[in-house]
Amino acid sequence: MTLVDANIGEEYIIKDITTDDEELNSFLFSLGCYSGEPITVVSRKKRNCTVSIKDARYNIDNDLAAAISI
């Protein structure tokens, strides 16, 4: 299951991040988005979603949300 399929307001644990882009992996890691970390989808729009990681909120697009397995 990925973040695209997640229910709004429910906390999940990140299992894996599937991307071939090392810069993207480093960026997500700097946000605190890595395996074992809790993540919550706060809201969802047509092309993006807002997630909560470590008491901070980030707006990510659906392609990036699809790369995050929960």
Protein backbone atom coordinates (compact mmCIF):
# COMPACT_ATOMS: atom_id res chain seq x y z
CA MET A 1 0.00 0.00 0.00
CA THR A 2 1.26 3.51 -0.77
CA LEU A 3 0.40 6.96 0.53
CA VAL A 4 -1.93 7.45 -2.43
CA ASP A 5 -4.17 4.74 -0.92
CA ALA A 6 -3.93 5.97 2.68
CA ASN A 7 -6.95 7.16 4.65
CA ILE A 8 -6.91 10.80 5.70
CA GLY A 9 -6.09 11.29 9.37
CA GLU A 10 -4.84 7.75 9.99
CA GLU A 11 -1.23 7.24 11.11
CA TYR A 12 0.89 4.76 9.16
CA ILE A 13 4.48 3.55 9.44
CA ILE A 14 6.72 4.02 6.39
CA LYS A 15 7.90 0.61 5.17
CA ASP A 16 9.97 1.61 2.15
CA ILE A 17 10.64 4.38 -0.34
CA THR A 18 10.89 3.16 -3.91
CA THR A 19 12.70 5.62 -6.15
CA ASP A 20 15.82 5.50 -8.31
CA ASP A 21 16.59 9.18 -7.72
CA GLU A 22 19.26 9.56 -5.02
CA GLU A 23 18.58 13.30 -4.69
CA LEU A 24 14.94 12.54 -3.98
CA ASN A 25 15.92 9.92 -1.39
CA SER A 26 18.23 12.45 0.30
CA PHE A 27 15.52 15.10 0.24
CA LEU A 28 12.95 12.78 1.82
CA PHE A 29 15.47 11.68 4.44
CA SER A 30 16.13 15.33 5.33
CA LEU A 31 12.38 15.75 5.93
CA GLY A 32 12.40 12.75 8.27
CA CYS A 33 10.69 10.50 5.76
CA TYR A 34 12.38 7.09 6.02
CA SER A 35 11.57 3.48 6.98
CA GLY A 36 10.07 3.03 10.42
CA GLU A 37 8.90 6.63 10.73
CA PRO A 38 5.20 7.43 11.34
CA ILE A 39 3.40 9.45 8.64
CA THR A 40 -0.15 10.79 8.39
CA VAL A 41 -2.03 12.08 5.34
CA VAL A 42 -3.64 15.32 6.52
CA SER A 43 -5.47 16.25 3.31
CA ARG A 44 -5.65 15.22 -0.32
CA LYS A 45 -6.26 17.25 -3.45
CA LYS A 46 -6.38 16.26 -7.08
CA ARG A 47 -2.63 16.27 -7.79
CA ASN A 48 -1.05 16.30 -4.32
CA CYS A 49 -1.47 15.54 -0.66
CA THR A 50 -0.38 17.11 2.61
CA VAL A 51 1.41 14.79 5.01
CA SER A 52 2.52 15.15 8.60
CA ILE A 53 5.97 13.85 9.51
CA LYS A 54 7.56 14.58 12.92
CA ASP A 55 5.18 17.45 13.79
CA ALA A 56 5.75 19.18 10.43
CA ARG A 57 3.51 19.28 7.37
CA TYR A 58 4.66 18.89 3.80
CA ASN A 59 2.85 19.10 0.49
CA ILE A 60 3.93 16.30 -1.89
CA ASP A 61 2.70 15.35 -5.35
CA ASN A 62 0.96 12.06 -6.10
CA ASP A 63 4.01 10.62 -7.92
CA LEU A 64 6.10 11.03 -4.78
CA ALA A 65 3.27 9.73 -2.58
CA ALA A 66 3.11 6.60 -4.78
CA ALA A 67 6.82 5.96 -4.09
CA ILE A 68 6.26 5.81 -0.31
CA SER A 69 5.11 2.37 0.85
CA ILE A 70 3.23 2.14 4.14
